[in-house]
Protein backbone atom coordinates (compact mmCIF):
# COMPACT_ATOMS: atom_id res chain seq x y z
CA UNK A 1 -11.92 27.26 23.25
CA UNK A 2 -9.38 24.43 23.51
CA UNK A 3 -8.27 23.03 20.18
CA UNK A 4 -8.71 19.27 19.71
CA UNK A 5 -5.53 17.21 20.03
CA UNK A 6 -3.63 16.68 16.80
CA UNK A 7 -4.09 13.29 15.18
CA UNK A 8 -0.65 11.67 14.89
CA UNK A 9 0.67 10.67 11.52
CA UNK A 10 0.71 6.93 10.90
CA UNK A 11 4.09 7.05 9.14
CA UNK A 12 7.00 9.46 9.49
CA UNK A 13 10.02 9.02 7.20
CA UNK A 14 13.02 11.18 8.13
CA UNK A 15 16.27 11.53 6.17
CA UNK A 16 16.07 8.02 4.73
CA UNK A 17 18.69 6.74 2.32
CA UNK A 18 19.22 3.30 0.85
CA UNK A 19 22.37 1.97 -0.77
CA UNK A 20 23.20 -1.44 -2.16
CA UNK A 21 26.98 -1.60 -1.87
CA UNK A 22 28.33 1.51 -3.63
CA UNK A 23 25.09 2.06 -5.57
CA UNK A 24 22.83 4.76 -4.16
CA UNK A 25 19.15 4.09 -4.84
CA UNK A 26 17.84 7.19 -3.07
CA UNK A 27 19.02 9.57 -0.40
CA UNK A 28 17.58 11.94 2.21
CA UNK A 29 13.93 11.07 1.58
CA UNK A 30 11.38 12.44 4.02
CA UNK A 31 7.57 12.44 4.08
CA UNK A 32 4.61 11.64 6.31
CA UNK A 33 1.43 9.64 5.85
CA UNK A 34 -1.54 11.14 7.64
CA UNK A 35 -4.09 9.05 9.48
CA UNK A 36 -6.99 8.06 7.24
CA UNK A 37 -5.39 8.99 3.91
CA UNK A 38 -4.26 7.11 0.84
CA UNK A 39 -0.63 7.84 -0.01
CA UNK A 40 0.66 6.58 -3.35
CA UNK A 41 4.34 6.03 -4.15
CA UNK A 42 5.10 6.80 -7.80
CA UNK A 43 8.08 6.74 -10.10
CA UNK A 44 9.65 5.08 -13.10
CA UNK A 45 11.19 1.64 -13.19
CA UNK A 46 14.21 1.23 -10.95
CA UNK A 47 13.56 4.34 -8.86
CA UNK A 48 13.11 2.42 -5.61
CA UNK A 49 9.32 2.24 -5.16
CA UNK A 50 9.30 -1.40 -4.11
CA UNK A 51 12.39 -0.91 -1.96
CA UNK A 52 10.72 2.00 -0.16
CA UNK A 53 7.63 -0.12 0.41
CA UNK A 54 9.72 -2.97 1.87
CA UNK A 55 11.41 -0.47 4.17
CA UNK A 56 8.07 0.93 5.33
CA UNK A 57 6.92 -2.62 6.06
CA UNK A 58 10.06 -3.31 8.07
CA UNK A 59 11.37 -5.96 5.67
CA UNK A 60 14.46 -3.93 4.76
CA UNK A 61 16.30 -1.45 6.99
CA UNK A 62 17.27 2.01 5.74
CA UNK A 63 20.96 2.65 5.25
CA UNK A 64 20.47 5.99 6.97
CA UNK A 65 17.53 7.76 8.54
CA UNK A 66 14.52 6.62 10.49
CA UNK A 67 11.08 5.23 9.68
CA UNK A 68 8.36 5.39 12.32
CA UNK A 69 5.16 3.47 11.70
CA UNK A 70 2.27 3.80 14.16
CA UNK A 71 4.67 5.31 16.66
CA UNK A 72 7.29 2.55 16.47
CA UNK A 73 10.66 2.19 14.77
CA UNK A 74 10.10 -0.29 11.94
CA UNK A 75 13.79 -1.25 11.89
CA UNK A 76 13.27 -2.70 15.37
CA UNK A 77 9.58 -3.59 15.14
CA UNK A 78 8.25 -6.32 17.40
CA UNK A 79 5.38 -8.69 16.65
CA UNK A 80 2.83 -6.42 18.33
CA UNK A 81 3.67 -3.57 15.95
CA UNK A 82 3.78 -5.77 12.86
CA UNK A 83 0.30 -7.10 13.68
CA UNK A 84 -1.03 -3.55 13.26
CA UNK A 85 -0.01 -3.55 9.60
CA UNK A 86 -1.67 -5.45 6.75
CA UNK A 87 0.00 -6.24 3.43
CA UNK A 88 -1.33 -7.13 -0.01
CA UNK A 89 1.52 -8.40 -2.16
CA UNK A 90 1.63 -7.70 -5.88
CA UNK A 91 0.20 -10.95 -7.20
CA UNK A 92 -1.89 -11.67 -4.11
CA UNK A 93 0.46 -14.38 -2.77
CA UNK A 94 -2.43 -16.63 -1.77
CA UNK A 95 -1.57 -20.16 -0.67
CA UNK A 96 -2.68 -22.37 -3.53
CA UNK A 97 -3.42 -25.39 -1.34
CA UNK A 98 -5.90 -23.44 0.83
CA UNK A 99 -9.38 -22.16 0.13
CA UNK A 100 -9.98 -18.43 0.26
CA UNK A 101 -11.53 -18.88 3.69
CA UNK A 102 -8.48 -20.77 4.95
CA UNK A 103 -6.16 -18.12 3.51
CA UNK A 104 -7.97 -15.38 5.42
CA UNK A 105 -8.13 -17.47 8.60
CA UNK A 106 -4.37 -18.06 8.60
CA UNK A 107 -3.31 -14.77 10.31
CA UNK A 108 -5.96 -15.38 12.96
CA UNK A 109 -4.60 -18.88 13.59
CA UNK A 110 -1.05 -17.56 13.89
CA UNK A 111 -1.67 -14.45 15.98
CA UNK A 112 -4.83 -14.95 18.06
CA UNK A 113 -6.27 -17.40 20.56
CA UNK A 114 -9.73 -17.27 19.04
CA UNK A 115 -11.55 -20.61 18.77
CA UNK A 116 -11.98 -22.00 15.27
CA UNK A 117 -15.64 -21.01 14.99
CA UNK A 118 -14.74 -17.40 15.80
CA UNK A 119 -11.82 -17.40 13.36
CA UNK A 120 -14.09 -18.67 10.63
CA UNK A 121 -16.72 -16.04 11.43
CA UNK A 122 -14.15 -13.23 11.25
CA UNK A 123 -12.72 -14.57 7.99
CA UNK A 124 -16.15 -14.79 6.40
CA UNK A 125 -16.84 -11.22 7.47
CA UNK A 126 -13.62 -10.00 5.85
CA UNK A 127 -14.41 -11.86 2.62
CA UNK A 128 -17.83 -10.23 2.67
CA UNK A 129 -16.23 -6.80 3.00
CA UNK A 130 -14.36 -7.31 -0.28
CA UNK A 131 -17.31 -8.82 -2.14
CA UNK A 132 -16.25 -12.46 -1.90
CA UNK A 133 -18.76 -13.74 0.63
CA UNK A 134 -19.96 -16.45 -1.75
CA UNK A 135 -16.45 -17.55 -2.77
CA UNK A 136 -15.10 -18.71 0.61
CA UNK A 137 -14.80 -22.35 -0.45
CA UNK A 138 -13.01 -21.71 -3.74
CA UNK A 139 -9.32 -22.39 -4.31
CA UNK A 140 -7.01 -19.66 -5.68
CA UNK A 141 -6.73 -21.56 -8.99
CA UNK A 142 -10.50 -21.31 -9.42
CA UNK A 143 -10.77 -17.51 -9.23
CA UNK A 144 -9.88 -14.55 -11.45
CA UNK A 145 -6.98 -12.18 -10.92
CA UNK A 146 -9.29 -9.50 -9.59
CA UNK A 147 -10.82 -11.90 -7.09
CA UNK A 148 -7.34 -12.95 -5.97
CA UNK A 149 -6.46 -9.31 -5.27
CA UNK A 150 -9.67 -8.91 -3.24
CA UNK A 151 -8.99 -12.10 -1.31
CA UNK A 152 -5.48 -10.88 -0.52
CA UNK A 153 -6.94 -7.63 0.81
CA UNK A 154 -9.39 -9.64 2.95
CA UNK A 155 -6.45 -11.57 4.41
CA UNK A 156 -4.61 -8.30 5.06
CA UNK A 157 -7.69 -7.10 6.98
CA UNK A 158 -7.93 -10.22 9.15
CA UNK A 159 -6.36 -8.67 12.26
CA UNK A 160 -8.12 -5.29 11.83
CA UNK A 161 -4.96 -3.29 11.12
CA UNK A 162 -5.26 0.51 10.94
CA UNK A 163 -2.69 0.61 8.10
CA UNK A 164 -2.54 -1.35 4.84
CA UNK A 165 0.29 -1.60 2.31
CA UNK A 166 -0.76 -2.47 -1.24
CA UNK A 167 1.86 -3.40 -3.85
CA UNK A 168 0.63 -2.76 -7.41
CA UNK A 169 -3.01 -3.66 -6.65
CA UNK A 170 -4.15 -3.01 -10.24
CA UNK A 171 -1.29 -4.81 -11.99
CA UNK A 172 -2.53 -7.24 -14.62
CA UNK A 173 -6.19 -6.26 -14.29
CA UNK A 174 -8.50 -5.01 -17.03
CA UNK A 175 -9.79 -1.41 -16.68
CA UNK A 176 -13.24 -2.42 -15.35
CA UNK A 177 -11.85 -4.78 -12.72
CA UNK A 178 -9.21 -2.21 -11.78
CA UNK A 179 -11.90 0.46 -11.31
CA UNK A 180 -13.83 -1.90 -9.05
CA UNK A 181 -10.74 -2.45 -6.94
CA UNK A 182 -10.22 1.31 -6.70
CA UNK A 183 -13.78 1.68 -5.39
CA UNK A 184 -13.15 -1.06 -2.83
CA UNK A 185 -10.06 0.76 -1.52
CA UNK A 186 -12.01 4.01 -1.22
CA UNK A 187 -14.89 2.21 0.54
CA UNK A 188 -12.52 0.63 3.07
CA UNK A 189 -10.94 4.00 3.77
CA UNK A 190 -14.37 5.61 4.27
CA UNK A 191 -16.05 2.82 6.22
CA UNK A 192 -13.15 1.55 8.35
CA UNK A 193 -10.91 4.63 8.56
CA UNK A 194 -7.93 2.66 7.26
CA UNK A 195 -4.79 4.43 6.07
CA UNK A 196 -3.18 3.11 2.89
CA UNK A 197 0.25 3.22 1.29
CA UNK A 198 0.01 2.09 -2.32
CA UNK A 199 2.70 1.48 -4.92
CA UNK A 200 1.30 1.77 -8.42
CA UNK A 201 2.08 3.21 -11.84
CA UNK A 202 -1.53 3.06 -13.11
CA UNK A 203 -2.50 6.67 -13.80
CA UNK A 204 -6.25 6.04 -13.68
CA UNK A 205 -5.96 4.42 -10.26
CA UNK A 206 -3.64 7.14 -8.98
CA UNK A 207 -6.16 9.84 -9.90
CA UNK A 208 -9.06 7.82 -8.50
CA UNK A 209 -7.73 6.93 -5.06
CA UNK A 210 -4.73 9.05 -4.04
CA UNK A 211 -5.09 11.81 -1.47
CA UNK A 212 -1.39 12.56 -1.88
CA UNK A 213 1.59 11.02 -3.58
CA UNK A 214 5.35 11.10 -3.54
CA UNK A 215 7.44 10.56 -6.66
CA UNK A 216 10.86 8.95 -6.60
CA UNK A 217 13.30 9.34 -9.46
CA UNK A 218 16.21 7.11 -10.42
CA UNK A 219 18.32 9.88 -11.97
CA UNK A 220 17.81 12.25 -9.05
CA UNK A 221 18.41 9.42 -6.55
CA UNK A 222 15.60 10.72 -4.40
CA UNK A 223 12.17 12.27 -4.13
CA UNK A 224 11.28 14.88 -6.73
CA UNK A 225 7.62 15.63 -5.95
CA UNK A 226 5.02 15.41 -3.18
CA UNK A 227 1.39 16.46 -3.11
CA UNK A 228 -2.04 15.95 -4.62
CA UNK A 229 -1.47 14.11 -7.93
CA UNK A 230 -4.19 16.14 -9.64
CA UNK A 231 -2.39 19.35 -8.72
CA UNK A 232 0.99 17.95 -9.73
CA UNK A 233 -0.40 16.84 -13.09
CA UNK A 234 -1.68 20.32 -13.80
CA UNK A 235 0.96 22.59 -12.34
CA UNK A 236 4.29 20.85 -11.77
CA UNK A 237 7.15 22.40 -13.70
CA UNK A 238 9.52 19.48 -13.12
CA UNK A 239 10.07 17.82 -16.53
CA UNK A 240 10.03 14.26 -15.15
CA UNK A 241 6.87 14.84 -13.13
CA UNK A 242 5.15 16.43 -16.13
CA UNK A 243 6.25 13.60 -18.39
CA UNK A 244 4.94 10.96 -15.97
CA UNK A 245 1.47 12.41 -15.66
CA UNK A 246 1.21 13.29 -19.36
CA UNK A 247 2.67 9.95 -20.53
CA UNK A 248 5.40 11.72 -22.49
CA UNK A 249 9.09 11.21 -22.94
CA UNK A 250 10.91 13.65 -20.64
CA UNK A 251 11.54 16.84 -22.56
CA UNK A 252 8.92 16.07 -25.20
CA UNK A 253 6.74 19.03 -26.18
CA UNK A 254 2.99 18.57 -25.58
């Protein structure tokens, strides 16, 4: 019996390093993100999480190595490739002078030839997907932080990308709101088959949503762990990995 064709990975990172002048942030990092999974990038402050995310999004080139996203080289990505990727920035980055509906319609206005009635219909559908169907006419100043994060995800979904990047989606949210956002991410993965790359340091969210994770470390100038975070939390012998998941100072006895 013929085996089904392998599903290609959505991201392949090979031998990637990043320097800022003489300062090495990380070196020789390599990992893949499988189609339909949630990959979380972890690590302490200053380890390069946000820099890695910007590189994956094509906003910053690697000093060495190669990053392929959806089969293309992100260092040379054209508009067609960038349209296949959605981004939710850390604080939402909604345009304050636009309603939520107008914010979600904006990518459709910039990148499609759809008539206005169709753009509005799509935008309302995306807001409905994130639980904001009744908030389309509100301004960003009129909504909570959790609603702003959901609206930003709706905007990231506007062009139906197969891959979403989320930068600290739970930052600044209370535990109940954060848990609701975690459920939304899992629902989108299940219902739409979207792949996610998420930067976060929130342990509860990591354990709730991550299929796999990578951990970067400032002292090691690179990647020190990769795998299921639940397994790493239980069985890793690396002192920094253990300290992260147990909320201890490195070297502290449990």
